[in-house]
Amino acid sequence: MKKVKITILMTTLNEELAREYGAVGIKACPMMKEGDVFMADYAKPEGFCDKAWKAIYQYVFALAHGAGSDLFYYGDWIRKPGVAIVSCNDGLRPVIMKLEATDIDANLEYTPIDR
């Protein structure tokens, strides 16, 4: 299993939908910033949005296990192997991310939690 590099490409706000449905003063995502970089494998990176992780973890998992050697979706989505462009599922202010397969081994050590 390898690590996957997650780069925040864009934070957006759909102004039309935000005017109609958003809370007063809603802005683009306050948790993620354009240019932020995270490294992930089977676990959510520290500081990464929980909701965004739930939306993208299956792509991270696939890339971490070698799916990057082929193009996703039969070559009709992304032209570069080992890359996926994904977003969180916030309909008013989605965050666009680039996932990239790396050659960095994941740390698979199990650390039990004290109870």
Protein backbone atom coordinates (compact mmCIF):
# COMPACT_ATOMS: atom_id res chain seq x y z
CA MET A 1 0.00 0.00 0.00
CA LYS A 2 1.29 3.45 -0.93
CA LYS A 3 0.49 6.96 0.24
CA VAL A 4 -1.68 9.27 -1.86
CA LYS A 5 -1.00 12.99 -2.14
CA ILE A 6 -4.11 15.17 -1.81
CA THR A 7 -3.80 18.75 -3.06
CA ILE A 8 -6.60 21.25 -2.56
CA LEU A 9 -7.02 22.84 -5.99
CA MET A 10 -10.02 25.07 -5.43
CA THR A 11 -12.55 26.11 -2.83
CA THR A 12 -15.79 27.28 -4.38
CA LEU A 13 -19.12 28.83 -3.50
CA ASN A 14 -22.17 28.43 -5.72
CA GLU A 15 -23.51 31.92 -5.16
CA GLU A 16 -26.90 31.31 -6.77
CA LEU A 17 -27.64 28.28 -4.58
CA ALA A 18 -26.11 29.96 -1.53
CA ARG A 19 -28.46 32.95 -1.94
CA GLU A 20 -31.45 30.65 -2.09
CA TYR A 21 -30.51 27.99 0.47
CA GLY A 22 -27.39 29.01 2.39
CA ALA A 23 -27.11 30.51 5.84
CA VAL A 24 -26.65 34.27 5.97
CA GLY A 25 -22.99 35.11 5.35
CA ILE A 26 -21.99 31.66 4.01
CA LYS A 27 -18.57 31.65 2.39
CA ALA A 28 -16.34 29.04 0.73
CA CYS A 29 -15.20 26.18 2.96
CA PRO A 30 -13.40 27.48 6.04
CA MET A 31 -11.59 24.17 6.71
CA MET A 32 -9.64 23.69 3.49
CA LYS A 33 -7.41 26.22 1.74
CA GLU A 34 -6.25 26.22 -1.86
CA GLY A 35 -2.73 24.80 -2.00
CA ASP A 36 -3.09 22.68 1.16
CA VAL A 37 -1.41 19.28 0.77
CA PHE A 38 -2.19 16.12 2.72
CA MET A 39 -0.74 12.61 2.55
CA ALA A 40 -3.17 9.73 3.04
CA ASP A 41 -3.43 5.96 2.91
CA TYR A 42 -6.11 3.97 4.72
CA ALA A 43 -6.74 6.67 7.33
CA LYS A 44 -7.99 10.25 7.13
CA PRO A 45 -5.07 12.68 7.34
CA GLU A 46 -4.88 14.85 10.43
CA GLY A 47 -6.63 18.18 9.87
CA PHE A 48 -8.63 16.91 6.89
CA CYS A 49 -12.39 17.52 6.84
CA ASP A 50 -14.40 14.48 7.97
CA LYS A 51 -17.15 15.04 5.39
CA ALA A 52 -14.66 15.51 2.54
CA TRP A 53 -12.87 12.30 3.58
CA LYS A 54 -16.14 10.37 3.41
CA ALA A 55 -16.66 11.67 -0.13
CA ILE A 56 -13.18 10.76 -1.46
CA TYR A 57 -11.77 7.89 0.60
CA GLN A 58 -12.69 5.22 -1.96
CA TYR A 59 -10.58 6.98 -4.60
CA VAL A 60 -7.69 7.35 -2.15
CA PHE A 61 -7.96 3.66 -1.28
CA ALA A 62 -7.98 2.64 -4.96
CA LEU A 63 -4.91 4.77 -5.76
CA ALA A 64 -3.11 3.54 -2.63
CA HIS A 65 -3.60 -0.03 -3.84
CA GLY A 66 -2.26 0.46 -7.33
CA ALA A 67 -5.30 1.58 -9.32
CA GLY A 68 -3.11 4.46 -10.47
CA SER A 69 -1.43 2.20 -12.99
CA ASP A 70 -4.62 2.35 -15.08
CA LEU A 71 -6.93 5.17 -16.03
CA PHE A 72 -10.09 5.49 -14.00
CA TYR A 73 -13.34 4.74 -15.81
CA TYR A 74 -11.89 3.28 -18.98
CA GLY A 75 -9.93 6.40 -19.87
CA ASP A 76 -12.93 8.70 -20.29
CA TRP A 77 -12.46 10.69 -17.07
CA ILE A 78 -8.79 11.50 -16.38
CA ARG A 79 -6.10 11.22 -19.04
CA LYS A 80 -3.17 10.79 -16.64
CA PRO A 81 -2.72 7.46 -14.82
CA GLY A 82 -2.42 7.72 -11.05
CA VAL A 83 -4.47 10.93 -10.81
CA ALA A 84 -8.07 11.63 -9.85
CA ILE A 85 -9.83 14.99 -9.63
CA VAL A 86 -12.56 14.78 -7.00
CA SER A 87 -14.65 17.00 -4.76
CA CYS A 88 -16.37 16.91 -1.43
CA ASN A 89 -20.13 16.62 -1.51
CA ASP A 90 -21.03 20.06 -0.13
CA GLY A 91 -23.52 21.25 -2.74
CA LEU A 92 -23.16 24.93 -1.83
CA ARG A 93 -19.38 25.14 -1.39
CA PRO A 94 -17.59 22.12 -2.86
CA VAL A 95 -13.83 21.77 -2.50
CA ILE A 96 -12.01 20.42 -5.58
CA MET A 97 -9.02 18.14 -4.93
CA LYS A 98 -6.32 16.39 -6.93
CA LEU A 99 -5.35 12.90 -5.75
CA GLU A 100 -2.02 11.51 -6.90
CA ALA A 101 -0.59 8.04 -6.39
CA THR A 102 2.95 8.10 -4.96
CA ASP A 103 5.76 5.58 -4.43
CA ILE A 104 5.85 6.36 -0.69
CA ASP A 105 5.07 3.31 1.44
CA ALA A 106 2.17 3.68 3.85
CA ASN A 107 2.77 3.19 7.56
CA LEU A 108 0.70 0.12 8.39
CA GLU A 109 1.76 -0.23 12.01
CA TYR A 110 -1.13 -0.94 14.34
CA THR A 111 -1.20 1.22 17.45
CA PRO A 112 -3.75 0.03 20.02
CA ILE A 113 -5.75 2.65 21.87
CA ASP A 114 -5.55 2.58 25.66
CA ARG A 115 -8.97 2.10 27.20
